[in-house]
């Protein structure tokens, strides 16, 4: 999969579909980590950690810069991902501690 070598839209679409499959698998692993966090954290109030959120987003921004990827777009996506992760972790915390 090297987009620089693609000559057809079918190749582009196949490449995007493969990346999407890989991303879903990685997101599944990320959310498994959120379940672990929900299990480990002693208090529900510990789920939201704004300094950690800022650190994660800054890490993404820096990684994007190193890879010549659109840093601000990825930072915005990660902000949404982290918020979804927090919501998921809170739901899991409540389920596990019920």
N, C-alpha and C. Protein backbone atom coordinates (compact mmCIF):
# COMPACT_ATOMS: atom_id res chain seq x y z
N UNK A 1 0.83 -1.18 0.00
CA UNK A 1 0.00 0.00 0.00
C UNK A 1 0.88 1.24 0.00
N UNK A 2 1.12 1.74 -1.18
CA UNK A 2 1.86 2.98 -1.31
C UNK A 2 1.07 3.92 -2.20
N UNK A 3 0.38 4.90 -1.63
CA UNK A 3 -0.47 5.79 -2.42
C UNK A 3 0.28 6.49 -3.56
N UNK A 4 1.57 6.66 -3.40
CA UNK A 4 2.35 7.31 -4.46
C UNK A 4 2.37 6.46 -5.73
N UNK A 5 2.14 5.17 -5.60
CA UNK A 5 2.16 4.27 -6.75
C UNK A 5 0.78 3.97 -7.32
N UNK A 6 -0.27 4.45 -6.67
CA UNK A 6 -1.63 4.17 -7.16
C UNK A 6 -1.86 4.87 -8.50
N UNK A 7 -2.62 4.16 -9.34
CA UNK A 7 -2.99 4.75 -10.64
C UNK A 7 -4.50 4.72 -10.86
N UNK A 8 -5.24 4.08 -9.95
CA UNK A 8 -6.70 4.01 -10.11
C UNK A 8 -7.39 4.33 -8.80
N UNK A 9 -8.63 4.75 -8.91
CA UNK A 9 -9.44 4.99 -7.72
C UNK A 9 -9.73 3.69 -6.99
N UNK A 10 -9.78 2.58 -7.70
CA UNK A 10 -9.99 1.28 -7.03
C UNK A 10 -8.85 1.01 -6.05
N UNK A 11 -7.63 1.34 -6.42
CA UNK A 11 -6.49 1.15 -5.53
C UNK A 11 -6.59 2.08 -4.32
N UNK A 12 -6.97 3.33 -4.58
CA UNK A 12 -7.15 4.29 -3.48
C UNK A 12 -8.20 3.77 -2.51
N UNK A 13 -9.33 3.34 -3.03
CA UNK A 13 -10.43 2.87 -2.17
C UNK A 13 -10.04 1.61 -1.40
N UNK A 14 -9.33 0.72 -2.05
CA UNK A 14 -8.88 -0.50 -1.36
C UNK A 14 -7.91 -0.13 -0.24
N UNK A 15 -7.03 0.82 -0.51
CA UNK A 15 -6.10 1.26 0.52
C UNK A 15 -6.81 1.91 1.69
N UNK A 16 -7.78 2.74 1.41
CA UNK A 16 -8.55 3.39 2.48
C UNK A 16 -9.33 2.35 3.27
N UNK A 17 -9.95 1.40 2.59
CA UNK A 17 -10.70 0.35 3.29
C UNK A 17 -9.80 -0.47 4.22
N UNK A 18 -8.59 -0.77 3.77
CA UNK A 18 -7.65 -1.53 4.61
C UNK A 18 -7.23 -0.71 5.82
N UNK A 19 -6.95 0.56 5.62
CA UNK A 19 -6.59 1.42 6.75
C UNK A 19 -7.75 1.51 7.73
N UNK A 20 -8.97 1.64 7.22
CA UNK A 20 -10.14 1.69 8.11
C UNK A 20 -10.26 0.42 8.95
N UNK A 21 -10.02 -0.74 8.34
CA UNK A 21 -10.06 -2.00 9.10
C UNK A 21 -9.02 -1.98 10.22
N UNK A 22 -7.83 -1.50 9.89
CA UNK A 22 -6.77 -1.43 10.90
C UNK A 22 -7.12 -0.43 12.00
N UNK A 23 -7.70 0.71 11.62
CA UNK A 23 -8.07 1.71 12.62
C UNK A 23 -9.13 1.17 13.57
N UNK A 24 -10.12 0.45 13.04
CA UNK A 24 -11.16 -0.11 13.91
C UNK A 24 -10.54 -1.07 14.91
N UNK A 25 -9.61 -1.90 14.45
CA UNK A 25 -8.94 -2.84 15.37
C UNK A 25 -8.15 -2.07 16.43
N UNK A 26 -7.48 -1.00 16.05
CA UNK A 26 -6.73 -0.20 17.02
C UNK A 26 -7.66 0.52 17.98
N UNK A 27 -8.77 1.05 17.48
CA UNK A 27 -9.73 1.70 18.38
C UNK A 27 -10.32 0.70 19.36
N UNK A 28 -10.56 -0.53 18.91
CA UNK A 28 -11.07 -1.56 19.82
C UNK A 28 -10.07 -1.79 20.94
N UNK A 29 -8.78 -1.81 20.62
CA UNK A 29 -7.76 -1.97 21.66
C UNK A 29 -7.74 -0.75 22.59
N UNK A 30 -7.90 0.43 22.01
CA UNK A 30 -7.88 1.65 22.84
C UNK A 30 -9.04 1.61 23.84
N UNK A 31 -10.22 1.21 23.36
CA UNK A 31 -11.37 1.16 24.27
C UNK A 31 -11.23 0.04 25.30
N UNK A 32 -10.50 -1.02 24.97
CA UNK A 32 -10.20 -2.04 25.98
C UNK A 32 -9.36 -1.43 27.10
N UNK A 33 -8.48 -0.52 26.75
CA UNK A 33 -7.71 0.19 27.77
C UNK A 33 -8.61 1.09 28.62
N UNK A 34 -9.64 1.66 28.03
CA UNK A 34 -10.59 2.47 28.79
C UNK A 34 -11.36 1.60 29.78
N UNK A 35 -11.69 0.36 29.36
CA UNK A 35 -12.35 -0.57 30.30
C UNK A 35 -11.42 -0.89 31.46
N UNK A 36 -10.14 -1.07 31.16
CA UNK A 36 -9.17 -1.34 32.24
C UNK A 36 -9.08 -0.15 33.18
N UNK A 37 -9.06 1.05 32.62
CA UNK A 37 -9.00 2.25 33.46
C UNK A 37 -10.23 2.34 34.35
N UNK A 38 -11.40 2.03 33.80
CA UNK A 38 -12.63 2.07 34.59
C UNK A 38 -12.57 1.06 35.74
N UNK A 39 -11.97 -0.07 35.49
CA UNK A 39 -11.84 -1.10 36.51
C UNK A 39 -10.84 -0.69 37.60
N UNK A 40 -9.77 0.01 37.20
CA UNK A 40 -8.68 0.32 38.12
C UNK A 40 -8.95 1.58 38.94
N UNK A 41 -9.56 2.58 38.34
CA UNK A 41 -9.75 3.85 39.05
C UNK A 41 -10.70 3.67 40.23
N UNK A 42 -10.33 4.22 41.39
CA UNK A 42 -11.15 4.00 42.59
C UNK A 42 -12.38 4.90 42.65
N UNK A 43 -12.33 6.04 42.00
CA UNK A 43 -13.43 7.01 42.08
C UNK A 43 -13.87 7.43 40.68
N UNK A 44 -15.17 7.61 40.50
CA UNK A 44 -15.70 8.07 39.22
C UNK A 44 -15.12 9.42 38.83
N UNK A 45 -14.86 10.27 39.82
CA UNK A 45 -14.33 11.61 39.53
C UNK A 45 -12.94 11.55 38.90
N UNK A 46 -12.26 10.42 39.02
CA UNK A 46 -10.93 10.27 38.42
C UNK A 46 -10.99 9.98 36.92
N UNK A 47 -12.18 9.69 36.41
CA UNK A 47 -12.30 9.35 35.00
C UNK A 47 -11.93 10.55 34.13
N UNK A 48 -12.44 11.72 34.44
CA UNK A 48 -12.12 12.92 33.65
C UNK A 48 -10.84 13.53 34.22
N UNK A 49 -9.82 13.59 33.38
CA UNK A 49 -8.51 14.11 33.78
C UNK A 49 -8.08 15.10 32.69
N UNK A 50 -8.42 16.37 32.89
CA UNK A 50 -8.15 17.38 31.87
C UNK A 50 -6.67 17.54 31.55
N UNK A 51 -5.76 17.52 32.55
CA UNK A 51 -4.34 17.59 32.18
C UNK A 51 -3.90 16.42 31.29
N UNK A 52 -4.39 15.23 31.57
CA UNK A 52 -4.05 14.07 30.73
C UNK A 52 -4.64 14.23 29.34
N UNK A 53 -5.87 14.72 29.24
CA UNK A 53 -6.49 14.96 27.94
C UNK A 53 -5.63 15.91 27.12
N UNK A 54 -5.21 17.00 27.72
CA UNK A 54 -4.37 17.97 27.01
C UNK A 54 -3.05 17.34 26.56
N UNK A 55 -2.47 16.50 27.41
CA UNK A 55 -1.22 15.82 27.08
C UNK A 55 -1.40 14.89 25.89
N UNK A 56 -2.48 14.12 25.89
CA UNK A 56 -2.75 13.18 24.80
C UNK A 56 -2.90 13.93 23.48
N UNK A 57 -3.65 15.01 23.50
CA UNK A 57 -3.88 15.78 22.27
C UNK A 57 -2.58 16.44 21.80
N UNK A 58 -1.79 16.94 22.71
CA UNK A 58 -0.50 17.53 22.33
C UNK A 58 0.43 16.47 21.76
N UNK A 59 0.42 15.27 22.32
CA UNK A 59 1.22 14.17 21.77
C UNK A 59 0.82 13.87 20.34
N UNK A 60 -0.48 13.87 20.07
CA UNK A 60 -0.99 13.62 18.72
C UNK A 60 -0.54 14.74 17.78
N UNK A 61 -0.66 15.97 18.24
CA UNK A 61 -0.25 17.11 17.42
C UNK A 61 1.23 17.01 17.05
N UNK A 62 2.07 16.67 18.01
CA UNK A 62 3.50 16.55 17.74
C UNK A 62 3.81 15.38 16.81
N UNK A 63 3.14 14.26 17.01
CA UNK A 63 3.34 13.10 16.14
C UNK A 63 2.92 13.44 14.71
N UNK A 64 1.81 14.14 14.58
CA UNK A 64 1.34 14.54 13.25
C UNK A 64 2.35 15.45 12.57
N UNK A 65 2.89 16.40 13.32
CA UNK A 65 3.91 17.29 12.76
C UNK A 65 5.11 16.50 12.25
N UNK A 66 5.56 15.52 13.03
CA UNK A 66 6.71 14.72 12.62
C UNK A 66 6.43 13.93 11.33
N UNK A 67 5.17 13.55 11.14
CA UNK A 67 4.79 12.75 9.98
C UNK A 67 4.26 13.59 8.82
N UNK A 68 4.32 14.90 8.98
CA UNK A 68 3.80 15.83 7.96
C UNK A 68 2.33 15.57 7.67
N UNK A 69 1.59 15.28 8.74
CA UNK A 69 0.14 15.08 8.66
C UNK A 69 -0.54 16.34 9.18
N UNK A 70 -1.81 16.52 8.87
CA UNK A 70 -2.53 17.73 9.31
C UNK A 70 -2.76 17.75 10.82
N UNK A 71 -1.87 18.39 11.54
CA UNK A 71 -1.86 18.34 13.00
C UNK A 71 -3.15 18.87 13.62
N UNK A 72 -3.66 19.97 13.13
CA UNK A 72 -4.86 20.54 13.75
C UNK A 72 -6.09 19.68 13.48
N UNK A 73 -6.16 19.09 12.31
CA UNK A 73 -7.28 18.18 12.02
C UNK A 73 -7.21 16.98 12.96
N UNK A 74 -6.03 16.41 13.11
CA UNK A 74 -5.89 15.25 14.00
C UNK A 74 -6.12 15.63 15.45
N UNK A 75 -5.68 16.80 15.86
CA UNK A 75 -5.93 17.24 17.24
C UNK A 75 -7.43 17.37 17.49
N UNK A 76 -8.16 17.88 16.52
CA UNK A 76 -9.62 17.99 16.65
C UNK A 76 -10.27 16.61 16.72
N UNK A 77 -9.83 15.70 15.87
CA UNK A 77 -10.35 14.33 15.92
C UNK A 77 -10.05 13.68 17.26
N UNK A 78 -8.84 13.90 17.78
CA UNK A 78 -8.47 13.29 19.05
C UNK A 78 -9.24 13.89 20.21
N UNK A 79 -9.55 15.17 20.12
CA UNK A 79 -10.39 15.77 21.15
C UNK A 79 -11.73 15.04 21.20
N UNK A 80 -12.30 14.77 20.05
CA UNK A 80 -13.57 14.03 19.99
C UNK A 80 -13.39 12.60 20.48
N UNK A 81 -12.28 11.97 20.09
CA UNK A 81 -12.01 10.60 20.53
C UNK A 81 -11.86 10.53 22.05
N UNK A 82 -11.13 11.47 22.61
CA UNK A 82 -10.93 11.46 24.06
C UNK A 82 -12.25 11.70 24.78
N UNK A 83 -13.07 12.60 24.28
CA UNK A 83 -14.38 12.83 24.91
C UNK A 83 -15.25 11.57 24.83
N UNK A 84 -15.22 10.90 23.69
CA UNK A 84 -15.97 9.64 23.56
C UNK A 84 -15.40 8.58 24.49
N UNK A 85 -14.09 8.56 24.64
CA UNK A 85 -13.44 7.60 25.54
C UNK A 85 -13.82 7.86 26.99
N UNK A 86 -13.89 9.13 27.37
CA UNK A 86 -14.30 9.48 28.73
C UNK A 86 -15.73 9.04 28.98
N UNK A 87 -16.61 9.31 28.03
CA UNK A 87 -18.01 8.90 28.18
C UNK A 87 -18.11 7.38 28.30
N UNK A 88 -17.36 6.66 27.48
CA UNK A 88 -17.35 5.20 27.52
C UNK A 88 -16.81 4.70 28.86
N UNK A 89 -15.73 5.32 29.31
CA UNK A 89 -15.13 4.90 30.58
C UNK A 89 -16.08 5.15 31.74
N UNK A 90 -16.81 6.25 31.72
CA UNK A 90 -17.78 6.52 32.78
C UNK A 90 -18.89 5.47 32.78
N UNK A 91 -19.35 5.11 31.59
CA UNK A 91 -20.37 4.07 31.50
C UNK A 91 -19.84 2.75 32.04
N UNK A 92 -18.61 2.42 31.66
CA UNK A 92 -18.00 1.19 32.16
C UNK A 92 -17.76 1.24 33.65
N UNK A 93 -17.33 2.39 34.15
CA UNK A 93 -17.12 2.55 35.61
C UNK A 93 -18.42 2.27 36.34
N UNK A 94 -19.51 2.89 35.86
CA UNK A 94 -20.81 2.69 36.51
C UNK A 94 -21.24 1.23 36.44
N UNK A 95 -21.01 0.58 35.30
CA UNK A 95 -21.40 -0.82 35.13
C UNK A 95 -20.60 -1.71 36.07
N UNK A 96 -19.31 -1.47 36.13
CA UNK A 96 -18.43 -2.32 36.94
C UNK A 96 -18.61 -2.12 38.45
N UNK A 97 -18.95 -0.90 38.84
CA UNK A 97 -19.04 -0.59 40.26
C UNK A 97 -20.48 -0.71 40.79
N UNK A 98 -21.40 -1.07 39.91
CA UNK A 98 -22.82 -1.18 40.32
C UNK A 98 -23.02 -2.32 41.30
